[in-house]
Amino acid sequence: MKLHIMKDYSSRNTLEGNLIKIENLYKSIFTEVGNTSIELTNTIVSIHHEDSTNIDAASLELSEKEDGYTISYWDGYSLAEKIDEKEIHQALKIFKRLAKKLAKNLQRFS
């Protein structure tokens, strides 16, 4: 008799189901970047540059909405990019690209 173990892939289709992946992404990209923090909830992920001299410090946010996901990137001056996506996998790709951009800019200008 063979046993087949079924994995629940439905949780991967939500922000909550990808929190560990996102946290690991943060750790890998921002290890060399100081003064950053991450906030993880079931519906919002935020990476912030901790800069007491700038009330609009650089940040990146991925939020889950009823009809998809919104990725917002602040460059430290204004909202530089805001992207809406229907699918979590595409939203995570964009989040990763913008996280790398944020880290690069923080290293360059900090």
PDB file of N, CA and C in Angstrom:
ATOM      1  N   MET A   1       0.833  -1.179   0.000  1.00  0.00           N
ATOM      2  CA  MET A   1       0.000   0.000   0.000  1.00  0.00           C
ATOM      3  C   MET A   1       0.879   1.243   0.000  1.00  0.00           C
ATOM      4  N   LYS A   2       0.650   2.149  -0.945  1.00  0.00           N
ATOM      5  CA  LYS A   2       1.408   3.386  -1.028  1.00  0.00           C
ATOM      6  C   LYS A   2       0.592   4.520  -0.449  1.00  0.00           C
ATOM      7  N   LEU A   3       1.264   5.397   0.261  1.00  0.00           N
ATOM      8  CA  LEU A   3       0.607   6.581   0.802  1.00  0.00           C
ATOM      9  C   LEU A   3       1.060   7.793   0.007  1.00  0.00           C
ATOM     10  N   HIS A   4       0.134   8.585  -0.401  1.00  0.00           N
ATOM     11  CA  HIS A   4       0.439   9.824  -1.104  1.00  0.00           C
ATOM     12  C   HIS A   4       0.146  10.984  -0.173  1.00  0.00           C
ATOM     13  N   ILE A   5       1.130  11.800   0.031  1.00  0.00           N
ATOM     14  CA  ILE A   5       0.954  12.969   0.881  1.00  0.00           C
ATOM     15  C   ILE A   5       0.605  14.142  -0.010  1.00  0.00           C
ATOM     16  N   MET A   6      -0.520  14.734   0.259  1.00  0.00           N
ATOM     17  CA  MET A   6      -0.983  15.875  -0.522  1.00  0.00           C
ATOM     18  C   MET A   6      -0.579  17.160   0.191  1.00  0.00           C
ATOM     19  N   LYS A   7       0.076  18.014  -0.500  1.00  0.00           N
ATOM     20  CA  LYS A   7       0.434  19.314   0.051  1.00  0.00           C
ATOM     21  C   LYS A   7      -0.680  20.301  -0.253  1.00  0.00           C
ATOM     22  N   ASP A   8      -0.884  21.200   0.678  1.00  0.00           N
ATOM     23  CA  ASP A   8      -1.897  22.232   0.480  1.00  0.00           C
ATOM     24  C   ASP A   8      -1.238  23.428  -0.194  1.00  0.00           C
ATOM     25  N   TYR A   9      -1.425  23.553  -1.492  1.00  0.00           N
ATOM     26  CA  TYR A   9      -0.818  24.647  -2.245  1.00  0.00           C
ATOM     27  C   TYR A   9      -1.682  25.910  -2.228  1.00  0.00           C
ATOM     28  N   SER A  10      -2.896  25.810  -1.743  1.00  0.00           N
ATOM     29  CA  SER A  10      -3.784  26.978  -1.747  1.00  0.00           C
ATOM     30  C   SER A  10      -3.245  28.095  -0.858  1.00  0.00           C
ATOM     31  N   SER A  11      -2.536  27.751   0.219  1.00  0.00           N
ATOM     32  CA  SER A  11      -2.002  28.788   1.102  1.00  0.00           C
ATOM     33  C   SER A  11      -0.907  29.607   0.419  1.00  0.00           C
ATOM     34  N   ARG A  12      -0.281  29.059  -0.599  1.00  0.00           N
ATOM     35  CA  ARG A  12       0.742  29.797  -1.335  1.00  0.00           C
ATOM     36  C   ARG A  12       0.143  30.899  -2.203  1.00  0.00           C
ATOM     37  N   ASN A  13      -1.167  30.882  -2.349  1.00  0.00           N
ATOM     38  CA  ASN A  13      -1.844  31.869  -3.178  1.00  0.00           C
ATOM     39  C   ASN A  13      -2.349  33.063  -2.377  1.00  0.00           C
ATOM     40  N   THR A  14      -1.803  33.223  -1.176  1.00  0.00           N
ATOM     41  CA  THR A  14      -2.155  34.361  -0.330  1.00  0.00           C
ATOM     42  C   THR A  14      -0.875  34.991   0.195  1.00  0.00           C
ATOM     43  N   LEU A  15      -0.985  36.202   0.659  1.00  0.00           N
ATOM     44  CA  LEU A  15       0.162  36.863   1.282  1.00  0.00           C
ATOM     45  C   LEU A  15       0.576  36.115   2.539  1.00  0.00           C
ATOM     46  N   GLU A  16      -0.402  35.724   3.331  1.00  0.00           N
ATOM     47  CA  GLU A  16      -0.127  34.993   4.573  1.00  0.00           C
ATOM     48  C   GLU A  16       0.673  33.722   4.315  1.00  0.00           C
ATOM     49  N   GLY A  17       0.372  33.026   3.230  1.00  0.00           N
ATOM     50  CA  GLY A  17       1.071  31.788   2.898  1.00  0.00           C
ATOM     51  C   GLY A  17       2.490  31.992   2.400  1.00  0.00           C
ATOM     52  N   ASN A  18       2.888  33.239   2.193  1.00  0.00           N
ATOM     53  CA  ASN A  18       4.226  33.542   1.680  1.00  0.00           C
ATOM     54  C   ASN A  18       5.073  34.360   2.651  1.00  0.00           C
ATOM     55  N   LEU A  19       4.639  34.498   3.894  1.00  0.00           N
ATOM     56  CA  LEU A  19       5.350  35.356   4.848  1.00  0.00           C
ATOM     57  C   LEU A  19       6.768  34.876   5.149  1.00  0.00           C
ATOM     58  N   ILE A  20       6.961  33.577   5.276  1.00  0.00           N
ATOM     59  CA  ILE A  20       8.304  33.049   5.556  1.00  0.00           C
ATOM     60  C   ILE A  20       9.219  33.316   4.365  1.00  0.00           C
ATOM     61  N   LYS A  21       8.704  33.112   3.162  1.00  0.00           N
ATOM     62  CA  LYS A  21       9.474  33.383   1.940  1.00  0.00           C
ATOM     63  C   LYS A  21       9.874  34.861   1.886  1.00  0.00           C
ATOM     64  N   ILE A  22       8.941  35.751   2.227  1.00  0.00           N
ATOM     65  CA  ILE A  22       9.214  37.190   2.204  1.00  0.00           C
ATOM     66  C   ILE A  22      10.227  37.571   3.273  1.00  0.00           C
ATOM     67  N   GLU A  23      10.098  36.994   4.458  1.00  0.00           N
ATOM     68  CA  GLU A  23      11.058  37.285   5.533  1.00  0.00           C
ATOM     69  C   GLU A  23      12.461  36.830   5.136  1.00  0.00           C
ATOM     70  N   ASN A  24      12.571  35.664   4.527  1.00  0.00           N
ATOM     71  CA  ASN A  24      13.876  35.173   4.067  1.00  0.00           C
ATOM     72  C   ASN A  24      14.444  36.064   2.962  1.00  0.00           C
ATOM     73  N   LEU A  25      13.580  36.557   2.084  1.00  0.00           N
ATOM     74  CA  LEU A  25      14.000  37.495   1.045  1.00  0.00           C
ATOM     75  C   LEU A  25      14.572  38.757   1.687  1.00  0.00           C
ATOM     76  N   TYR A  26      13.877  39.277   2.677  1.00  0.00           N
ATOM     77  CA  TYR A  26      14.350  40.470   3.400  1.00  0.00           C
ATOM     78  C   TYR A  26      15.729  40.221   4.006  1.00  0.00           C
ATOM     79  N   LYS A  27      15.881  39.094   4.675  1.00  0.00           N
ATOM     80  CA  LYS A  27      17.162  38.779   5.320  1.00  0.00           C
ATOM     81  C   LYS A  27      18.290  38.677   4.299  1.00  0.00           C
ATOM     82  N   SER A  28      18.003  38.116   3.138  1.00  0.00           N
ATOM     83  CA  SER A  28      19.062  37.940   2.138  1.00  0.00           C
ATOM     84  C   SER A  28      19.428  39.247   1.450  1.00  0.00           C
ATOM     85  N   ILE A  29      18.466  40.122   1.207  1.00  0.00           N
ATOM     86  CA  ILE A  29      18.738  41.367   0.486  1.00  0.00           C
ATOM     87  C   ILE A  29      19.269  42.460   1.408  1.00  0.00           C
ATOM     88  N   PHE A  30      18.763  42.535   2.628  1.00  0.00           N
ATOM     89  CA  PHE A  30      19.072  43.669   3.493  1.00  0.00           C
ATOM     90  C   PHE A  30      20.108  43.377   4.576  1.00  0.00           C
ATOM     91  N   THR A  31      20.850  42.272   4.466  1.00  0.00           N
ATOM     92  CA  THR A  31      21.860  41.965   5.484  1.00  0.00           C
ATOM     93  C   THR A  31      22.962  43.016   5.537  1.00  0.00           C
ATOM     94  N   GLU A  32      23.305  43.585   4.400  1.00  0.00           N
ATOM     95  CA  GLU A  32      24.371  44.589   4.337  1.00  0.00           C
ATOM     96  C   GLU A  32      23.852  46.016   4.496  1.00  0.00           C
ATOM     97  N   VAL A  33      22.545  46.178   4.590  1.00  0.00           N
ATOM     98  CA  VAL A  33      21.938  47.502   4.663  1.00  0.00           C
ATOM     99  C   VAL A  33      21.519  47.759   6.108  1.00  0.00           C
ATOM    100  N   GLY A  34      22.028  48.834   6.685  1.00  0.00           N
ATOM    101  CA  GLY A  34      21.668  49.154   8.058  1.00  0.00           C
ATOM    102  C   GLY A  34      20.393  49.960   8.143  1.00  0.00           C
ATOM    103  N   ASN A  35      19.881  50.065   9.342  1.00  0.00           N
ATOM    104  CA  ASN A  35      18.730  50.914   9.649  1.00  0.00           C
ATOM    105  C   ASN A  35      17.491  50.587   8.838  1.00  0.00           C
ATOM    106  N   THR A  36      17.188  49.313   8.685  1.00  0.00           N
ATOM    107  CA  THR A  36      15.942  48.912   8.038  1.00  0.00           C
ATOM    108  C   THR A  36      15.185  47.980   8.975  1.00  0.00           C
ATOM    109  N   SER A  37      13.889  47.917   8.771  1.00  0.00           N
ATOM    110  CA  SER A  37      13.057  46.992   9.538  1.00  0.00           C
ATOM    111  C   SER A  37      11.981  46.434   8.631  1.00  0.00           C
ATOM    112  N   ILE A  38      11.420  45.316   9.052  1.00  0.00           N
ATOM    113  CA  ILE A  38      10.327  44.701   8.297  1.00  0.00           C
ATOM    114  C   ILE A  38       9.172  44.458   9.252  1.00  0.00           C
ATOM    115  N   GLU A  39       7.978  44.690   8.747  1.00  0.00           N
ATOM    116  CA  GLU A  39       6.754  44.406   9.490  1.00  0.00           C
ATOM    117  C   GLU A  39       5.941  43.436   8.660  1.00  0.00           C
ATOM    118  N   LEU A  40       5.583  42.317   9.261  1.00  0.00           N
ATOM    119  CA  LEU A  40       4.843  41.270   8.563  1.00  0.00           C
ATOM    120  C   LEU A  40       3.500  41.031   9.250  1.00  0.00           C
ATOM    121  N   THR A  41       2.417  41.174   8.510  1.00  0.00           N
ATOM    122  CA  THR A  41       1.098  40.784   9.003  1.00  0.00           C
ATOM    123  C   THR A  41       0.465  39.895   7.945  1.00  0.00           C
ATOM    124  N   ASN A  42      -0.722  39.422   8.196  1.00  0.00           N
ATOM    125  CA  ASN A  42      -1.392  38.541   7.235  1.00  0.00           C
ATOM    126  C   ASN A  42      -1.814  39.250   5.960  1.00  0.00           C
ATOM    127  N   THR A  43      -1.885  40.598   6.003  1.00  0.00           N
ATOM    128  CA  THR A  43      -2.364  41.322   4.826  1.00  0.00           C
ATOM    129  C   THR A  43      -1.415  42.422   4.349  1.00  0.00           C
ATOM    130  N   ILE A  44      -0.380  42.735   5.125  1.00  0.00           N
ATOM    131  CA  ILE A  44       0.563  43.797   4.736  1.00  0.00           C
ATOM    132  C   ILE A  44       1.981  43.400   5.112  1.00  0.00           C
ATOM    133  N   VAL A  45       2.903  43.664   4.182  1.00  0.00           N
ATOM    134  CA  VAL A  45       4.335  43.526   4.444  1.00  0.00           C
ATOM    135  C   VAL A  45       4.963  44.882   4.146  1.00  0.00           C
ATOM    136  N   SER A  46       5.725  45.402   5.110  1.00  0.00           N
ATOM    137  CA  SER A  46       6.371  46.708   4.938  1.00  0.00           C
ATOM    138  C   SER A  46       7.844  46.618   5.295  1.00  0.00           C
ATOM    139  N   ILE A  47       8.675  47.172   4.438  1.00  0.00           N
ATOM    140  CA  ILE A  47      10.100  47.335   4.723  1.00  0.00           C
ATOM    141  C   ILE A  47      10.339  48.834   4.814  1.00  0.00           C
ATOM    142  N   HIS A  48      10.930  49.264   5.922  1.00  0.00           N
ATOM    143  CA  HIS A  48      11.140  50.695   6.159  1.00  0.00           C
ATOM    144  C   HIS A  48      12.602  51.003   6.409  1.00  0.00           C
ATOM    145  N   HIS A  49      13.040  52.134   5.895  1.00  0.00           N
ATOM    146  CA  HIS A  49      14.341  52.682   6.247  1.00  0.00           C
ATOM    147  C   HIS A  49      14.130  53.524   7.493  1.00  0.00           C
ATOM    148  N   GLU A  50      14.840  53.218   8.545  1.00  0.00           N
ATOM    149  CA  GLU A  50      14.709  53.942   9.812  1.00  0.00           C
ATOM    150  C   GLU A  50      15.577  55.190   9.737  1.00  0.00           C
ATOM    151  N   ASP A  51      14.970  56.314   9.350  1.00  0.00           N
ATOM    152  CA  ASP A  51      15.683  57.577   9.182  1.00  0.00           C
ATOM    153  C   ASP A  51      14.924  58.656   9.940  1.00  0.00           C
ATOM    154  N   SER A  52      15.450  59.041  11.096  1.00  0.00           N
ATOM    155  CA  SER A  52      14.766  60.023  11.939  1.00  0.00           C
ATOM    156  C   SER A  52      14.785  61.427  11.340  1.00  0.00           C
ATOM    157  N   THR A  53      15.621  61.659  10.325  1.00  0.00           N
ATOM    158  CA  THR A  53      15.693  62.984   9.706  1.00  0.00           C
ATOM    159  C   THR A  53      14.722  63.144   8.545  1.00  0.00           C
ATOM    160  N   ASN A  54      14.032  62.064   8.167  1.00  0.00           N
ATOM    161  CA  ASN A  54      13.121  62.101   7.022  1.00  0.00           C
ATOM    162  C   ASN A  54      11.793  61.464   7.409  1.00  0.00           C
ATOM    163  N   ILE A  55      10.741  62.276   7.508  1.00  0.00           N
ATOM    164  CA  ILE A  55       9.441  61.713   7.877  1.00  0.00           C
ATOM    165  C   ILE A  55       8.844  60.849   6.770  1.00  0.00           C
ATOM    166  N   ASP A  56       9.300  61.045   5.550  1.00  0.00           N
ATOM    167  CA  ASP A  56       8.878  60.208   4.417  1.00  0.00           C
ATOM    168  C   ASP A  56      10.034  59.314   3.982  1.00  0.00           C
ATOM    169  N   ALA A  57      10.614  58.606   4.933  1.00  0.00           N
ATOM    170  CA  ALA A  57      11.765  57.755   4.641  1.00  0.00           C
ATOM    171  C   ALA A  57      11.398  56.687   3.611  1.00  0.00           C
ATOM    172  N   ALA A  58      12.396  56.196   2.921  1.00  0.00           N
ATOM    173  CA  ALA A  58      12.194  55.177   1.888  1.00  0.00           C
ATOM    174  C   ALA A  58      11.534  53.939   2.487  1.00  0.00           C
ATOM    175  N   SER A  59      10.610  53.369   1.724  1.00  0.00           N
ATOM    176  CA  SER A  59       9.931  52.161   2.195  1.00  0.00           C
ATOM    177  C   SER A  59       9.310  51.421   1.017  1.00  0.00           C
ATOM    178  N   LEU A  60       8.944  50.192   1.297  1.00  0.00           N
ATOM    179  CA  LEU A  60       8.313  49.327   0.311  1.00  0.00           C
ATOM    180  C   LEU A  60       7.193  48.595   1.019  1.00  0.00           C
ATOM    181  N   GLU A  61       6.029  48.537   0.378  1.00  0.00           N
ATOM    182  CA  GLU A  61       4.879  47.889   1.007  1.00  0.00           C
ATOM    183  C   GLU A  61       4.145  47.020   0.000  1.00  0.00           C
ATOM    184  N   LEU A  62       3.787  45.831   0.452  1.00  0.00           N
ATOM    185  CA  LEU A  62       2.954  44.911  -0.317  1.00  0.00           C
ATOM    186  C   LEU A  62       1.704  44.664   0.508  1.00  0.00           C
ATOM    187  N   SER A  63       0.545  45.005  -0.043  1.00  0.00           N
ATOM    188  CA  SER A  63      -0.696  44.824   0.709  1.00  0.00           C
ATOM    189  C   SER A  63      -1.689  43.996  -0.094  1.00  0.00           C
ATOM    190  N   GLU A  64      -2.414  43.162   0.630  1.00  0.00           N
ATOM    191  CA  GLU A  64      -3.431  42.308   0.019  1.00  0.00           C
ATOM    192  C   GLU A  64      -4.768  43.028   0.083  1.00  0.00           C
ATOM    193  N   LYS A  65      -5.401  43.160  -1.068  1.00  0.00           N
ATOM    194  CA  LYS A  65      -6.721  43.793  -1.182  1.00  0.00           C
ATOM    195  C   LYS A  65      -7.735  42.723  -1.573  1.00  0.00           C
ATOM    196  N   GLU A  66      -9.002  43.081  -1.614  1.00  0.00           N
ATOM    197  CA  GLU A  66     -10.040  42.125  -1.999  1.00  0.00           C
ATOM    198  C   GLU A  66      -9.859  41.608  -3.419  1.00  0.00           C
ATOM    199  N   ASP A  67      -9.371  42.476  -4.309  1.00  0.00           N
ATOM    200  CA  ASP A  67      -9.267  42.106  -5.719  1.00  0.00           C
ATOM    201  C   ASP A  67      -7.834  41.885  -6.191  1.00  0.00           C
ATOM    202  N   GLY A  68      -6.888  41.757  -5.264  1.00  0.00           N
ATOM    203  CA  GLY A  68      -5.496  41.523  -5.656  1.00  0.00           C
ATOM    204  C   GLY A  68      -4.522  42.112  -4.661  1.00  0.00           C
ATOM    205  N   TYR A  69      -3.433  42.649  -5.178  1.00  0.00           N
ATOM    206  CA  TYR A  69      -2.330  43.116  -4.350  1.00  0.00           C
ATOM    207  C   TYR A  69      -1.842  44.462  -4.855  1.00  0.00           C
ATOM    208  N   THR A  70      -1.371  45.296  -3.930  1.00  0.00           N
ATOM    209  CA  THR A  70      -0.801  46.586  -4.290  1.00  0.00           C
ATOM    210  C   THR A  70       0.611  46.648  -3.745  1.00  0.00           C
ATOM    211  N   ILE A  71       1.550  47.035  -4.604  1.00  0.00           N
ATOM    212  CA  ILE A  71       2.946  47.220  -4.213  1.00  0.00           C
ATOM    213  C   ILE A  71       3.233  48.712  -4.318  1.00  0.00           C
ATOM    214  N   SER A  72       3.689  49.308  -3.214  1.00  0.00           N
ATOM    215  CA  SER A  72       3.981  50.743  -3.182  1.00  0.00           C
ATOM    216  C   SER A  72       5.430  50.943  -2.774  1.00  0.00           C
ATOM    217  N   TYR A  73       6.145  51.751  -3.553  1.00  0.00           N
ATOM    218  CA  TYR A  73       7.562  52.025  -3.307  1.00  0.00           C
ATOM    219  C   TYR A  73       7.752  53.525  -3.126  1.00  0.00           C
ATOM    220  N   TRP A  74       8.213  53.914  -1.939  1.00  0.00           N
ATOM    221  CA  TRP A  74       8.551  55.310  -1.650  1.00  0.00           C
ATOM    222  C   TRP A  74      10.068  55.429  -1.698  1.00  0.00           C
ATOM    223  N   ASP A  75      10.567  56.406  -2.432  1.00  0.00           N
ATOM    224  CA  ASP A  75      12.021  56.540  -2.597  1.00  0.00           C
ATOM    225  C   ASP A  75      12.664  57.458  -1.560  1.00  0.00           C
ATOM    226  N   GLY A  76      11.903  57.944  -0.618  1.00  0.00           N
ATOM    227  CA  GLY A  76      12.435  58.849   0.397  1.00  0.00           C
ATOM    228  C   GLY A  76      12.001  60.278   0.173  1.00  0.00           C
ATOM    229  N   TYR A  77      11.383  60.525  -0.956  1.00  0.00           N
ATOM    230  CA  TYR A  77      10.880  61.861  -1.278  1.00  0.00           C
ATOM    231  C   TYR A  77       9.395  61.823  -1.584  1.00  0.00           C
ATOM    232  N   SER A  78       8.983  60.810  -2.341  1.00  0.00           N
ATOM    233  CA  SER A  78       7.584  60.712  -2.747  1.00  0.00           C
ATOM    234  C   SER A  78       7.280  59.272  -3.143  1.00  0.00           C
ATOM    235  N   LEU A  79       6.015  59.026  -3.461  1.00  0.00           N
ATOM    236  CA  LEU A  79       5.616  57.719  -3.956  1.00  0.00           C
ATOM    237  C   LEU A  79       6.170  57.565  -5.370  1.00  0.00           C
ATOM    238  N   ALA A  80       7.171  56.713  -5.523  1.00  0.00           N
ATOM    239  CA  ALA A  80       7.843  56.562  -6.809  1.00  0.00           C
ATOM    240  C   ALA A  80       7.119  55.573  -7.719  1.00  0.00           C
ATOM    241  N   GLU A  81       6.594  54.509  -7.124  1.00  0.00           N
ATOM    242  CA  GLU A  81       5.891  53.505  -7.923  1.00  0.00           C
ATOM    243  C   GLU A  81       4.754  52.915  -7.112  1.00  0.00           C
ATOM    244  N   LYS A  82       3.633  52.702  -7.782  1.00  0.00           N
ATOM    245  CA  LYS A  82       2.494  52.007  -7.185  1.00  0.00           C
ATOM    246  C   LYS A  82       1.939  51.089  -8.255  1.00  0.00           C
ATOM    247  N   ILE A  83       1.941  49.796  -7.960  1.00  0.00           N
ATOM    248  CA  ILE A  83       1.558  48.791  -8.949  1.00  0.00           C
ATOM    249  C   ILE A  83       0.489  47.886  -8.358  1.00  0.00           C
ATOM    250  N   ASP A  84      -0.554  47.647  -9.101  1.00  0.00           N
ATOM    251  CA  ASP A  84      -1.613  46.721  -8.702  1.00  0.00           C
ATOM    252  C   ASP A  84      -1.470  45.438  -9.508  1.00  0.00           C
ATOM    253  N   GLU A  85      -1.601  44.302  -8.818  1.00  0.00           N
ATOM    254  CA  GLU A  85      -1.513  42.988  -9.462  1.00  0.00           C
ATOM    255  C   GLU A  85      -2.632  42.092  -8.956  1.00  0.00           C
ATOM    256  N   LYS A  86      -3.125  41.244  -9.819  1.00  0.00           N
ATOM    257  CA  LYS A  86      -4.183  40.296  -9.441  1.00  0.00           C
ATOM    258  C   LYS A  86      -3.609  39.056  -8.751  1.00  0.00           C
ATOM    259  N   GLU A  87      -2.462  38.584  -9.225  1.00  0.00           N
ATOM    260  CA  GLU A  87      -1.900  37.317  -8.763  1.00  0.00           C
ATOM    261  C   GLU A  87      -0.752  37.535  -7.776  1.00  0.00           C
ATOM    262  N   ILE A  88      -0.711  36.728  -6.726  1.00  0.00           N
ATOM    263  CA  ILE A  88       0.335  36.851  -5.700  1.00  0.00           C
ATOM    264  C   ILE A  88       1.717  36.587  -6.286  1.00  0.00           C
ATOM    265  N   HIS A  89       1.831  35.658  -7.201  1.00  0.00           N
ATOM    266  CA  HIS A  89       3.150  35.318  -7.739  1.00  0.00           C
ATOM    267  C   HIS A  89       3.762  36.498  -8.501  1.00  0.00           C
ATOM    268  N   GLN A  90       2.967  37.190  -9.273  1.00  0.00           N
ATOM    269  CA  GLN A  90       3.452  38.375  -9.990  1.00  0.00           C
ATOM    270  C   GLN A  90       3.742  39.505  -9.009  1.00  0.00           C
ATOM    271  N   ALA A  91       2.900  39.658  -8.004  1.00  0.00           N
ATOM    272  CA  ALA A  91       3.119  40.694  -6.987  1.00  0.00           C
ATOM    273  C   ALA A  91       4.436  40.450  -6.236  1.00  0.00           C
ATOM    274  N   LEU A  92       4.741  39.193  -5.948  1.00  0.00           N
ATOM    275  CA  LEU A  92       5.992  38.860  -5.256  1.00  0.00           C
ATOM    276  C   LEU A  92       7.210  39.139  -6.133  1.00  0.00           C
ATOM    277  N   LYS A  93       7.097  38.910  -7.432  1.00  0.00           N
ATOM    278  CA  LYS A  93       8.199  39.225  -8.351  1.00  0.00           C
ATOM    279  C   LYS A  93       8.490  40.719  -8.339  1.00  0.00           C
ATOM    280  N   ILE A  94       7.444  41.515  -8.398  1.00  0.00           N
ATOM    281  CA  ILE A  94       7.601  42.970  -8.389  1.00  0.00           C
ATOM    282  C   ILE A  94       8.149  43.428  -7.045  1.00  0.00           C
ATOM    283  N   PHE A  95       7.635  42.861  -5.968  1.00  0.00           N
ATOM    284  CA  PHE A  95       8.115  43.198  -4.625  1.00  0.00           C
ATOM    285  C   PHE A  95       9.610  42.916  -4.503  1.00  0.00           C
ATOM    286  N   LYS A  96      10.049  41.770  -5.010  1.00  0.00           N
ATOM    287  CA  LYS A  96      11.462  41.399  -4.950  1.00  0.00           C
ATOM    288  C   LYS A  96      12.316  42.386  -5.751  1.00  0.00           C
ATOM    289  N   ARG A  97      11.865  42.742  -6.950  1.00  0.00           N
ATOM    290  CA  ARG A  97      12.610  43.701  -7.778  1.00  0.00           C
ATOM    291  C   ARG A  97      12.738  45.047  -7.067  1.00  0.00           C
ATOM    292  N   LEU A  98      11.645  45.518  -6.483  1.00  0.00           N
ATOM    293  CA  LEU A  98      11.674  46.809  -5.803  1.00  0.00           C
ATOM    294  C   LEU A  98      12.446  46.742  -4.484  1.00  0.00           C
ATOM    295  N   ALA A  99      12.446  45.587  -3.825  1.00  0.00           N
ATOM    296  CA  ALA A  99      13.249  45.423  -2.604  1.00  0.00           C
ATOM    297  C   ALA A  99      14.733  45.540  -2.940  1.00  0.00           C
ATOM    298  N   LYS A 100      15.146  44.940  -4.043  1.00  0.00           N
ATOM    299  CA  LYS A 100      16.543  45.053  -4.476  1.00  0.00           C
ATOM    300  C   LYS A 100      16.883  46.498  -4.823  1.00  0.00           C
ATOM    301  N   LYS A 101      15.960  47.191  -5.470  1.00  0.00           N
ATOM    302  CA  LYS A 101      16.159  48.598  -5.819  1.00  0.00           C
ATOM    303  C   LYS A 101      16.274  49.451  -4.556  1.00  0.00           C
ATOM    304  N   LEU A 102      15.415  49.195  -3.577  1.00  0.00           N
ATOM    305  CA  LEU A 102      15.454  49.918  -2.308  1.00  0.00           C
ATOM    306  C   LEU A 102      16.787  49.701  -1.608  1.00  0.00           C
ATOM    307  N   ALA A 103      17.226  48.464  -1.519  1.00  0.00           N
ATOM    308  CA  ALA A 103      18.497  48.158  -0.857  1.00  0.00           C
ATOM    309  C   ALA A 103      19.661  48.842  -1.564  1.00  0.00           C
ATOM    310  N   LYS A 104      19.665  48.788  -2.885  1.00  0.00           N
ATOM    311  CA  LYS A 104      20.740  49.418  -3.664  1.00  0.00           C
ATOM    312  C   LYS A 104      20.769  50.924  -3.431  1.00  0.00           C
ATOM    313  N   ASN A 105      19.600  51.559  -3.449  1.00  0.00           N
ATOM    314  CA  ASN A 105      19.537  53.006  -3.220  1.00  0.00           C
ATOM    315  C   ASN A 105      19.940  53.372  -1.795  1.00  0.00           C
ATOM    316  N   LEU A 106      19.557  52.578  -0.823  1.00  0.00           N
ATOM    317  CA  LEU A 106      19.944  52.861   0.561  1.00  0.00           C
ATOM    318  C   LEU A 106      21.446  52.719   0.753  1.00  0.00           C
ATOM    319  N   GLN A 107      22.040  51.726   0.115  1.00  0.00           N
ATOM    320  CA  GLN A 107      23.500  51.578   0.200  1.00  0.00           C
ATOM    321  C   GLN A 107      24.214  52.727  -0.485  1.00  0.00           C
ATOM    322  N   ARG A 108      23.687  53.188  -1.588  1.00  0.00           N
ATOM    323  CA  ARG A 108      24.305  54.246  -2.362  1.00  0.00           C
ATOM    324  C   ARG A 108      24.219  55.600  -1.649  1.00  0.00           C
ATOM    325  N   PHE A 109      23.076  55.891  -1.039  1.00  0.00           N
ATOM    326  CA  PHE A 109      22.845  57.221  -0.491  1.00  0.00           C
ATOM    327  C   PHE A 109      22.946  57.314   1.020  1.00  0.00           C
ATOM    328  N   SER A 110      23.214  56.218   1.698  1.00  0.00           N
ATOM    329  CA  SER A 110      23.314  56.260   3.165  1.00  0.00           C
ATOM    330  C   SER A 110      24.756  56.292   3.629  1.00  0.00           C
TER     331      SER A 110
END
